[in-house]
């Protein structure tokens, strides 16, 4: 994704929080390792099933009105400790 319009709102959820236009770009790579993962908690109406994965991310944020910008380390140096690709079911649709 490149130059996605987002909002910088550091005081959210405060009612008087000011929203400032910002832009975000990112690259993300997910790779499944094929290991099945399933979380199921009927008491919380939550179910998630998928496969374990690795993930790498590079991101950049710019908030021009505030004169702020930030960029992560390069994608090649990114690594994750935990990632899952899959489907979530929760709330009133849990039983379907």
PDB file of N, CA and C in Angstrom:
ATOM      1  N   UNK A   1       0.860  -1.159   0.000  1.00  0.00           N
ATOM      2  CA  UNK A   1       0.000   0.000   0.000  1.00  0.00           C
ATOM      3  C   UNK A   1       0.909   1.224   0.000  1.00  0.00           C
ATOM      4  N   UNK A   2       0.494   2.212  -0.752  1.00  0.00           N
ATOM      5  CA  UNK A   2       1.329   3.405  -0.856  1.00  0.00           C
ATOM      6  C   UNK A   2       0.472   4.660  -0.700  1.00  0.00           C
ATOM      7  N   UNK A   3       0.908   5.548   0.159  1.00  0.00           N
ATOM      8  CA  UNK A   3       0.247   6.841   0.390  1.00  0.00           C
ATOM      9  C   UNK A   3      -1.242   6.706   0.712  1.00  0.00           C
ATOM     10  N   UNK A   4      -1.563   5.842   1.653  1.00  0.00           N
ATOM     11  CA  UNK A   4      -2.942   5.644   2.099  1.00  0.00           C
ATOM     12  C   UNK A   4      -3.313   6.784   3.049  1.00  0.00           C
ATOM     13  N   UNK A   5      -4.449   7.396   2.816  1.00  0.00           N
ATOM     14  CA  UNK A   5      -4.910   8.477   3.697  1.00  0.00           C
ATOM     15  C   UNK A   5      -5.345   7.885   5.032  1.00  0.00           C
ATOM     16  N   UNK A   6      -4.765   8.382   6.122  1.00  0.00           N
ATOM     17  CA  UNK A   6      -5.121   7.960   7.476  1.00  0.00           C
ATOM     18  C   UNK A   6      -5.283   9.207   8.336  1.00  0.00           C
ATOM     19  N   UNK A   7      -5.623   9.012   9.594  1.00  0.00           N
ATOM     20  CA  UNK A   7      -5.800  10.129  10.517  1.00  0.00           C
ATOM     21  C   UNK A   7      -4.869   9.927  11.707  1.00  0.00           C
ATOM     22  N   UNK A   8      -4.144  10.968  12.072  1.00  0.00           N
ATOM     23  CA  UNK A   8      -3.335  10.967  13.287  1.00  0.00           C
ATOM     24  C   UNK A   8      -4.185  11.604  14.373  1.00  0.00           C
ATOM     25  N   UNK A   9      -4.474  10.852  15.414  1.00  0.00           N
ATOM     26  CA  UNK A   9      -5.342  11.342  16.478  1.00  0.00           C
ATOM     27  C   UNK A   9      -4.796  10.843  17.822  1.00  0.00           C
ATOM     28  N   UNK A  10      -3.679  11.440  18.291  1.00  0.00           N
ATOM     29  CA  UNK A  10      -2.981  10.910  19.457  1.00  0.00           C
ATOM     30  C   UNK A  10      -3.780  10.894  20.760  1.00  0.00           C
ATOM     31  N   UNK A  11      -4.765  11.749  20.898  1.00  0.00           N
ATOM     32  CA  UNK A  11      -5.520  11.791  22.156  1.00  0.00           C
ATOM     33  C   UNK A  11      -6.791  10.940  22.110  1.00  0.00           C
ATOM     34  N   UNK A  12      -7.034  10.240  20.987  1.00  0.00           N
ATOM     35  CA  UNK A  12      -8.220   9.395  20.885  1.00  0.00           C
ATOM     36  C   UNK A  12      -8.211   8.372  22.005  1.00  0.00           C
ATOM     37  N   UNK A  13      -9.277   8.048  22.668  1.00  0.00           N
ATOM     38  CA  UNK A  13     -10.684   8.338  22.366  1.00  0.00           C
ATOM     39  C   UNK A  13     -11.238   9.565  23.068  1.00  0.00           C
ATOM     40  N   UNK A  14     -10.398  10.474  23.518  1.00  0.00           N
ATOM     41  CA  UNK A  14     -10.889  11.698  24.157  1.00  0.00           C
ATOM     42  C   UNK A  14     -11.834  12.434  23.212  1.00  0.00           C
ATOM     43  N   UNK A  15     -12.941  12.941  23.750  1.00  0.00           N
ATOM     44  CA  UNK A  15     -13.951  13.610  22.927  1.00  0.00           C
ATOM     45  C   UNK A  15     -13.404  14.847  22.214  1.00  0.00           C
ATOM     46  N   UNK A  16     -12.402  15.510  22.813  1.00  0.00           N
ATOM     47  CA  UNK A  16     -11.848  16.717  22.189  1.00  0.00           C
ATOM     48  C   UNK A  16     -10.577  16.422  21.389  1.00  0.00           C
ATOM     49  N   UNK A  17     -10.354  15.167  21.073  1.00  0.00           N
ATOM     50  CA  UNK A  17      -9.163  14.775  20.324  1.00  0.00           C
ATOM     51  C   UNK A  17      -9.200  15.340  18.905  1.00  0.00           C
ATOM     52  N   UNK A  18      -8.115  15.998  18.512  1.00  0.00           N
ATOM     53  CA  UNK A  18      -8.022  16.610  17.191  1.00  0.00           C
ATOM     54  C   UNK A  18      -7.541  15.563  16.179  1.00  0.00           C
ATOM     55  N   UNK A  19      -8.199  15.505  15.036  1.00  0.00           N
ATOM     56  CA  UNK A  19      -7.823  14.577  13.960  1.00  0.00           C
ATOM     57  C   UNK A  19      -7.019  15.348  12.914  1.00  0.00           C
ATOM     58  N   UNK A  20      -5.818  14.851  12.632  1.00  0.00           N
ATOM     59  CA  UNK A  20      -4.938  15.503  11.662  1.00  0.00           C
ATOM     60  C   UNK A  20      -4.720  14.579  10.470  1.00  0.00           C
ATOM     61  N   UNK A  21      -4.872  15.072   9.240  1.00  0.00           N
ATOM     62  CA  UNK A  21      -4.648  14.232   8.065  1.00  0.00           C
ATOM     63  C   UNK A  21      -3.205  13.716   8.036  1.00  0.00           C
ATOM     64  N   UNK A  22      -3.065  12.455   7.677  1.00  0.00           N
ATOM     65  CA  UNK A  22      -1.742  11.832   7.586  1.00  0.00           C
ATOM     66  C   UNK A  22      -1.753  10.840   6.431  1.00  0.00           C
ATOM     67  N   UNK A  23      -0.570  10.308   6.112  1.00  0.00           N
ATOM     68  CA  UNK A  23      -0.441   9.315   5.040  1.00  0.00           C
ATOM     69  C   UNK A  23       0.434   8.186   5.543  1.00  0.00           C
ATOM     70  N   UNK A  24       0.122   6.977   5.105  1.00  0.00           N
ATOM     71  CA  UNK A  24       0.893   5.812   5.517  1.00  0.00           C
ATOM     72  C   UNK A  24       1.184   4.944   4.306  1.00  0.00           C
ATOM     73  N   UNK A  25       2.395   4.425   4.237  1.00  0.00           N
ATOM     74  CA  UNK A  25       2.778   3.455   3.212  1.00  0.00           C
ATOM     75  C   UNK A  25       3.347   2.248   3.923  1.00  0.00           C
ATOM     76  N   UNK A  26       3.082   1.061   3.386  1.00  0.00           N
ATOM     77  CA  UNK A  26       3.675  -0.124   4.003  1.00  0.00           C
ATOM     78  C   UNK A  26       3.777  -1.265   3.013  1.00  0.00           C
ATOM     79  N   UNK A  27       4.726  -2.148   3.286  1.00  0.00           N
ATOM     80  CA  UNK A  27       4.886  -3.413   2.567  1.00  0.00           C
ATOM     81  C   UNK A  27       4.814  -4.496   3.628  1.00  0.00           C
ATOM     82  N   UNK A  28       4.056  -5.546   3.354  1.00  0.00           N
ATOM     83  CA  UNK A  28       3.938  -6.647   4.309  1.00  0.00           C
ATOM     84  C   UNK A  28       3.948  -7.965   3.542  1.00  0.00           C
ATOM     85  N   UNK A  29       4.669  -8.922   4.063  1.00  0.00           N
ATOM     86  CA  UNK A  29       4.750 -10.246   3.441  1.00  0.00           C
ATOM     87  C   UNK A  29       4.371 -11.292   4.480  1.00  0.00           C
ATOM     88  N   UNK A  30       3.336 -12.077   4.172  1.00  0.00           N
ATOM     89  CA  UNK A  30       2.900 -13.190   5.019  1.00  0.00           C
ATOM     90  C   UNK A  30       3.241 -14.486   4.295  1.00  0.00           C
ATOM     91  N   UNK A  31       3.784 -15.457   5.017  1.00  0.00           N
ATOM     92  CA  UNK A  31       4.063 -16.769   4.441  1.00  0.00           C
ATOM     93  C   UNK A  31       3.586 -17.842   5.408  1.00  0.00           C
ATOM     94  N   UNK A  32       2.612 -18.624   4.985  1.00  0.00           N
ATOM     95  CA  UNK A  32       2.103 -19.720   5.813  1.00  0.00           C
ATOM     96  C   UNK A  32       3.134 -20.845   5.871  1.00  0.00           C
ATOM     97  N   UNK A  33       3.255 -21.468   7.058  1.00  0.00           N
ATOM     98  CA  UNK A  33       4.129 -22.644   7.155  1.00  0.00           C
ATOM     99  C   UNK A  33       3.315 -23.937   7.147  1.00  0.00           C
ATOM    100  N   UNK A  34       1.983 -23.817   6.998  1.00  0.00           N
ATOM    101  CA  UNK A  34       1.111 -24.983   6.874  1.00  0.00           C
ATOM    102  C   UNK A  34       0.640 -25.577   8.187  1.00  0.00           C
ATOM    103  N   UNK A  35       1.171 -25.137   9.328  1.00  0.00           N
ATOM    104  CA  UNK A  35       0.766 -25.671  10.634  1.00  0.00           C
ATOM    105  C   UNK A  35      -0.611 -25.124  11.011  1.00  0.00           C
ATOM    106  N   UNK A  36      -1.591 -25.993  11.207  1.00  0.00           N
ATOM    107  CA  UNK A  36      -2.954 -25.591  11.545  1.00  0.00           C
ATOM    108  C   UNK A  36      -3.017 -24.984  12.945  1.00  0.00           C
ATOM    109  N   UNK A  37      -3.775 -23.886  13.055  1.00  0.00           N
ATOM    110  CA  UNK A  37      -3.974 -23.205  14.329  1.00  0.00           C
ATOM    111  C   UNK A  37      -5.468 -22.983  14.517  1.00  0.00           C
ATOM    112  N   UNK A  38      -5.982 -23.250  15.731  1.00  0.00           N
ATOM    113  CA  UNK A  38      -7.400 -23.005  16.005  1.00  0.00           C
ATOM    114  C   UNK A  38      -7.560 -22.543  17.444  1.00  0.00           C
ATOM    115  N   UNK A  39      -8.233 -21.429  17.603  1.00  0.00           N
ATOM    116  CA  UNK A  39      -8.606 -20.926  18.922  1.00  0.00           C
ATOM    117  C   UNK A  39     -10.128 -20.941  18.964  1.00  0.00           C
ATOM    118  N   UNK A  40     -10.705 -21.488  20.023  1.00  0.00           N
ATOM    119  CA  UNK A  40     -12.159 -21.567  20.128  1.00  0.00           C
ATOM    120  C   UNK A  40     -12.536 -21.340  21.582  1.00  0.00           C
ATOM    121  N   UNK A  41     -13.244 -20.245  21.862  1.00  0.00           N
ATOM    122  CA  UNK A  41     -13.661 -19.904  23.216  1.00  0.00           C
ATOM    123  C   UNK A  41     -15.147 -19.576  23.180  1.00  0.00           C
ATOM    124  N   UNK A  42     -15.975 -20.605  23.434  1.00  0.00           N
ATOM    125  CA  UNK A  42     -17.431 -20.445  23.358  1.00  0.00           C
ATOM    126  C   UNK A  42     -17.938 -19.403  24.349  1.00  0.00           C
ATOM    127  N   UNK A  43     -17.316 -19.277  25.508  1.00  0.00           N
ATOM    128  CA  UNK A  43     -17.780 -18.310  26.510  1.00  0.00           C
ATOM    129  C   UNK A  43     -17.611 -16.871  26.033  1.00  0.00           C
ATOM    130  N   UNK A  44     -16.707 -16.645  25.102  1.00  0.00           N
ATOM    131  CA  UNK A  44     -16.480 -15.302  24.561  1.00  0.00           C
ATOM    132  C   UNK A  44     -17.003 -15.168  23.132  1.00  0.00           C
ATOM    133  N   UNK A  45     -17.670 -16.200  22.641  1.00  0.00           N
ATOM    134  CA  UNK A  45     -18.184 -16.207  21.271  1.00  0.00           C
ATOM    135  C   UNK A  45     -17.086 -15.852  20.276  1.00  0.00           C
ATOM    136  N   UNK A  46     -15.969 -16.539  20.404  1.00  0.00           N
ATOM    137  CA  UNK A  46     -14.819 -16.249  19.555  1.00  0.00           C
ATOM    138  C   UNK A  46     -14.239 -17.537  18.991  1.00  0.00           C
ATOM    139  N   UNK A  47     -13.985 -17.524  17.693  1.00  0.00           N
ATOM    140  CA  UNK A  47     -13.336 -18.669  17.039  1.00  0.00           C
ATOM    141  C   UNK A  47     -12.413 -18.132  15.951  1.00  0.00           C
ATOM    142  N   UNK A  48     -11.219 -18.699  15.892  1.00  0.00           N
ATOM    143  CA  UNK A  48     -10.262 -18.323  14.853  1.00  0.00           C
ATOM    144  C   UNK A  48      -9.575 -19.585  14.378  1.00  0.00           C
ATOM    145  N   UNK A  49      -9.533 -19.789  13.076  1.00  0.00           N
ATOM    146  CA  UNK A  49      -8.816 -20.937  12.539  1.00  0.00           C
ATOM    147  C   UNK A  49      -7.981 -20.475  11.351  1.00  0.00           C
ATOM    148  N   UNK A  50      -6.801 -21.072  11.239  1.00  0.00           N
ATOM    149  CA  UNK A  50      -5.912 -20.692  10.159  1.00  0.00           C
ATOM    150  C   UNK A  50      -4.630 -21.491  10.199  1.00  0.00           C
ATOM    151  N   UNK A  51      -3.559 -20.894   9.711  1.00  0.00           N
ATOM    152  CA  UNK A  51      -2.252 -21.539   9.740  1.00  0.00           C
ATOM    153  C   UNK A  51      -1.217 -20.573  10.306  1.00  0.00           C
ATOM    154  N   UNK A  52      -0.234 -21.145  10.991  1.00  0.00           N
ATOM    155  CA  UNK A  52       0.872 -20.341  11.495  1.00  0.00           C
ATOM    156  C   UNK A  52       1.631 -19.771  10.302  1.00  0.00           C
ATOM    157  N   UNK A  53       2.300 -18.649  10.522  1.00  0.00           N
ATOM    158  CA  UNK A  53       2.964 -17.971   9.410  1.00  0.00           C
ATOM    159  C   UNK A  53       4.167 -17.181   9.906  1.00  0.00           C
ATOM    160  N   UNK A  54       4.939 -16.720   8.954  1.00  0.00           N
ATOM    161  CA  UNK A  54       5.953 -15.714   9.235  1.00  0.00           C
ATOM    162  C   UNK A  54       5.462 -14.419   8.605  1.00  0.00           C
ATOM    163  N   UNK A  55       5.972 -13.310   9.092  1.00  0.00           N
ATOM    164  CA  UNK A  55       5.521 -12.012   8.589  1.00  0.00           C
ATOM    165  C   UNK A  55       6.681 -11.029   8.626  1.00  0.00           C
ATOM    166  N   UNK A  56       6.775 -10.200   7.592  1.00  0.00           N
ATOM    167  CA  UNK A  56       7.750  -9.115   7.542  1.00  0.00           C
ATOM    168  C   UNK A  56       7.006  -7.833   7.192  1.00  0.00           C
ATOM    169  N   UNK A  57       7.447  -6.713   7.761  1.00  0.00           N
ATOM    170  CA  UNK A  57       6.763  -5.442   7.540  1.00  0.00           C
ATOM    171  C   UNK A  57       7.760  -4.301   7.451  1.00  0.00           C
ATOM    172  N   UNK A  58       7.497  -3.400   6.519  1.00  0.00           N
ATOM    173  CA  UNK A  58       8.206  -2.119   6.429  1.00  0.00           C
ATOM    174  C   UNK A  58       7.126  -1.062   6.339  1.00  0.00           C
ATOM    175  N   UNK A  59       7.242   0.006   7.123  1.00  0.00           N
ATOM    176  CA  UNK A  59       6.193   1.022   7.148  1.00  0.00           C
ATOM    177  C   UNK A  59       6.779   2.427   7.222  1.00  0.00           C
ATOM    178  N   UNK A  60       5.967   3.386   6.745  1.00  0.00           N
ATOM    179  CA  UNK A  60       6.342   4.790   6.801  1.00  0.00           C
ATOM    180  C   UNK A  60       5.085   5.616   7.050  1.00  0.00           C
ATOM    181  N   UNK A  61       5.182   6.595   7.942  1.00  0.00           N
ATOM    182  CA  UNK A  61       4.057   7.470   8.270  1.00  0.00           C
ATOM    183  C   UNK A  61       4.511   8.915   8.127  1.00  0.00           C
ATOM    184  N   UNK A  62       3.637   9.749   7.564  1.00  0.00           N
ATOM    185  CA  UNK A  62       3.904  11.179   7.446  1.00  0.00           C
ATOM    186  C   UNK A  62       2.681  11.958   7.904  1.00  0.00           C
ATOM    187  N   UNK A  63       2.909  12.935   8.785  1.00  0.00           N
ATOM    188  CA  UNK A  63       1.852  13.827   9.256  1.00  0.00           C
ATOM    189  C   UNK A  63       2.310  15.251   8.923  1.00  0.00           C
ATOM    190  N   UNK A  64       2.095  15.675   7.672  1.00  0.00           N
ATOM    191  CA  UNK A  64       2.623  16.978   7.223  1.00  0.00           C
ATOM    192  C   UNK A  64       2.228  18.174   8.097  1.00  0.00           C
ATOM    193  N   UNK A  65       0.959  18.306   8.534  1.00  0.00           N
ATOM    194  CA  UNK A  65       0.624  19.480   9.349  1.00  0.00           C
ATOM    195  C   UNK A  65       1.430  19.561  10.653  1.00  0.00           C
ATOM    196  N   UNK A  66       1.875  18.410  11.164  1.00  0.00           N
ATOM    197  CA  UNK A  66       2.649  18.390  12.410  1.00  0.00           C
ATOM    198  C   UNK A  66       4.151  18.354  12.148  1.00  0.00           C
ATOM    199  N   UNK A  67       4.540  18.255  10.874  1.00  0.00           N
ATOM    200  CA  UNK A  67       5.949  18.169  10.540  1.00  0.00           C
ATOM    201  C   UNK A  67       6.596  16.877  11.037  1.00  0.00           C
ATOM    202  N   UNK A  68       5.796  15.819  11.124  1.00  0.00           N
ATOM    203  CA  UNK A  68       6.282  14.547  11.672  1.00  0.00           C
ATOM    204  C   UNK A  68       6.369  13.492  10.576  1.00  0.00           C
ATOM    205  N   UNK A  69       7.428  12.714  10.603  1.00  0.00           N
ATOM    206  CA  UNK A  69       7.524  11.544   9.730  1.00  0.00           C
ATOM    207  C   UNK A  69       8.312  10.461  10.455  1.00  0.00           C
ATOM    208  N   UNK A  70       8.052   9.233  10.097  1.00  0.00           N
ATOM    209  CA  UNK A  70       8.716   8.085  10.718  1.00  0.00           C
ATOM    210  C   UNK A  70       8.815   6.978   9.689  1.00  0.00           C
ATOM    211  N   UNK A  71       9.924   6.254   9.699  1.00  0.00           N
ATOM    212  CA  UNK A  71      10.083   5.112   8.809  1.00  0.00           C
ATOM    213  C   UNK A  71      10.727   3.967   9.589  1.00  0.00           C
ATOM    214  N   UNK A  72      10.187   2.778   9.409  1.00  0.00           N
ATOM    215  CA  UNK A  72      10.732   1.598  10.078  1.00  0.00           C
ATOM    216  C   UNK A  72      12.037   1.157   9.418  1.00  0.00           C
ATOM    217  N   UNK A  73      12.651   0.173  10.004  1.00  0.00           N
ATOM    218  CA  UNK A  73      13.807  -0.461   9.370  1.00  0.00           C
ATOM    219  C   UNK A  73      13.337  -1.157   8.089  1.00  0.00           C
ATOM    220  N   UNK A  74      14.254  -1.498   7.175  1.00  0.00           N
ATOM    221  CA  UNK A  74      13.885  -2.129   5.908  1.00  0.00           C
ATOM    222  C   UNK A  74      13.207  -3.493   6.084  1.00  0.00           C
ATOM    223  N   UNK A  75      12.399  -3.849   5.105  1.00  0.00           N
ATOM    224  CA  UNK A  75      11.673  -5.119   5.091  1.00  0.00           C
ATOM    225  C   UNK A  75      12.607  -6.308   5.340  1.00  0.00           C
ATOM    226  N   UNK A  76      13.784  -6.268   4.747  1.00  0.00           N
ATOM    227  CA  UNK A  76      14.716  -7.390   4.842  1.00  0.00           C
ATOM    228  C   UNK A  76      15.164  -7.660   6.270  1.00  0.00           C
ATOM    229  N   UNK A  77      15.106  -6.649   7.146  1.00  0.00           N
ATOM    230  CA  UNK A  77      15.552  -6.832   8.533  1.00  0.00           C
ATOM    231  C   UNK A  77      14.393  -7.135   9.474  1.00  0.00           C
ATOM    232  N   UNK A  78      13.169  -7.154   8.961  1.00  0.00           N
ATOM    233  CA  UNK A  78      11.981  -7.369   9.781  1.00  0.00           C
ATOM    234  C   UNK A  78      11.754  -8.854  10.025  1.00  0.00           C
ATOM    235  N   UNK A  79      11.354  -9.189  11.255  1.00  0.00           N
ATOM    236  CA  UNK A  79      10.971 -10.562  11.564  1.00  0.00           C
ATOM    237  C   UNK A  79       9.893 -10.529  12.638  1.00  0.00           C
ATOM    238  N   UNK A  80       9.119 -11.595  12.706  1.00  0.00           N
ATOM    239  CA  UNK A  80       8.058 -11.652  13.702  1.00  0.00           C
ATOM    240  C   UNK A  80       8.259 -12.863  14.600  1.00  0.00           C
ATOM    241  N   UNK A  81       7.662 -12.806  15.779  1.00  0.00           N
ATOM    242  CA  UNK A  81       7.688 -13.937  16.692  1.00  0.00           C
ATOM    243  C   UNK A  81       6.403 -14.752  16.599  1.00  0.00           C
ATOM    244  N   UNK A  82       5.337 -14.135  16.068  1.00  0.00           N
ATOM    245  CA  UNK A  82       4.039 -14.807  16.044  1.00  0.00           C
ATOM    246  C   UNK A  82       3.169 -14.209  14.948  1.00  0.00           C
ATOM    247  N   UNK A  83       2.648 -15.032  14.069  1.00  0.00           N
ATOM    248  CA  UNK A  83       1.719 -14.574  13.036  1.00  0.00           C
ATOM    249  C   UNK A  83       0.811 -15.731  12.651  1.00  0.00           C
ATOM    250  N   UNK A  84      -0.432 -15.414  12.320  1.00  0.00           N
ATOM    251  CA  UNK A  84      -1.406 -16.416  11.878  1.00  0.00           C
ATOM    252  C   UNK A  84      -2.208 -15.819  10.728  1.00  0.00           C
ATOM    253  N   UNK A  85      -2.433 -16.613   9.699  1.00  0.00           N
ATOM    254  CA  UNK A  85      -3.297 -16.226   8.589  1.00  0.00           C
ATOM    255  C   UNK A  85      -4.551 -17.078   8.712  1.00  0.00           C
ATOM    256  N   UNK A  86      -5.736 -16.469   8.701  1.00  0.00           N
ATOM    257  CA  UNK A  86      -6.925 -17.296   8.822  1.00  0.00           C
ATOM    258  C   UNK A  86      -8.205 -16.504   8.849  1.00  0.00           C
ATOM    259  N   UNK A  87      -9.232 -17.111   9.476  1.00  0.00           N
ATOM    260  CA  UNK A  87     -10.574 -16.546   9.536  1.00  0.00           C
ATOM    261  C   UNK A  87     -11.050 -16.459  10.969  1.00  0.00           C
ATOM    262  N   UNK A  88     -11.720 -15.357  11.297  1.00  0.00           N
ATOM    263  CA  UNK A  88     -12.247 -15.122  12.637  1.00  0.00           C
ATOM    264  C   UNK A  88     -13.769 -15.162  12.594  1.00  0.00           C
ATOM    265  N   UNK A  89     -14.362 -15.726  13.646  1.00  0.00           N
ATOM    266  CA  UNK A  89     -15.808 -15.700  13.813  1.00  0.00           C
ATOM    267  C   UNK A  89     -16.069 -15.239  15.232  1.00  0.00           C
ATOM    268  N   UNK A  90     -16.905 -14.214  15.415  1.00  0.00           N
ATOM    269  CA  UNK A  90     -17.194 -13.762  16.771  1.00  0.00           C
ATOM    270  C   UNK A  90     -18.574 -13.129  16.834  1.00  0.00           C
ATOM    271  N   UNK A  91     -18.950 -12.754  18.039  1.00  0.00           N
ATOM    272  CA  UNK A  91     -20.214 -12.055  18.241  1.00  0.00           C
ATOM    273  C   UNK A  91     -21.426 -12.876  17.850  1.00  0.00           C
ATOM    274  N   UNK A  92     -22.414 -12.217  17.295  1.00  0.00           N
ATOM    275  CA  UNK A  92     -23.689 -12.885  17.031  1.00  0.00           C
ATOM    276  C   UNK A  92     -23.602 -13.923  15.911  1.00  0.00           C
ATOM    277  N   UNK A  93     -22.542 -13.906  15.123  1.00  0.00           N
ATOM    278  CA  UNK A  93     -22.412 -14.875  14.047  1.00  0.00           C
ATOM    279  C   UNK A  93     -21.629 -16.130  14.469  1.00  0.00           C
ATOM    280  N   UNK A  94     -21.250 -16.190  15.709  1.00  0.00           N
ATOM    281  CA  UNK A  94     -20.417 -17.280  16.219  1.00  0.00           C
ATOM    282  C   UNK A  94     -21.004 -18.652  15.932  1.00  0.00           C
ATOM    283  N   UNK A  95     -22.302 -18.829  16.162  1.00  0.00           N
ATOM    284  CA  UNK A  95     -22.910 -20.167  16.038  1.00  0.00           C
ATOM    285  C   UNK A  95     -23.161 -20.601  14.595  1.00  0.00           C
ATOM    286  N   UNK A  96     -22.968 -19.738  13.646  1.00  0.00           N
ATOM    287  CA  UNK A  96     -23.255 -20.114  12.258  1.00  0.00           C
ATOM    288  C   UNK A  96     -22.075 -20.793  11.598  1.00  0.00           C
TER     289      UNK A  96
END
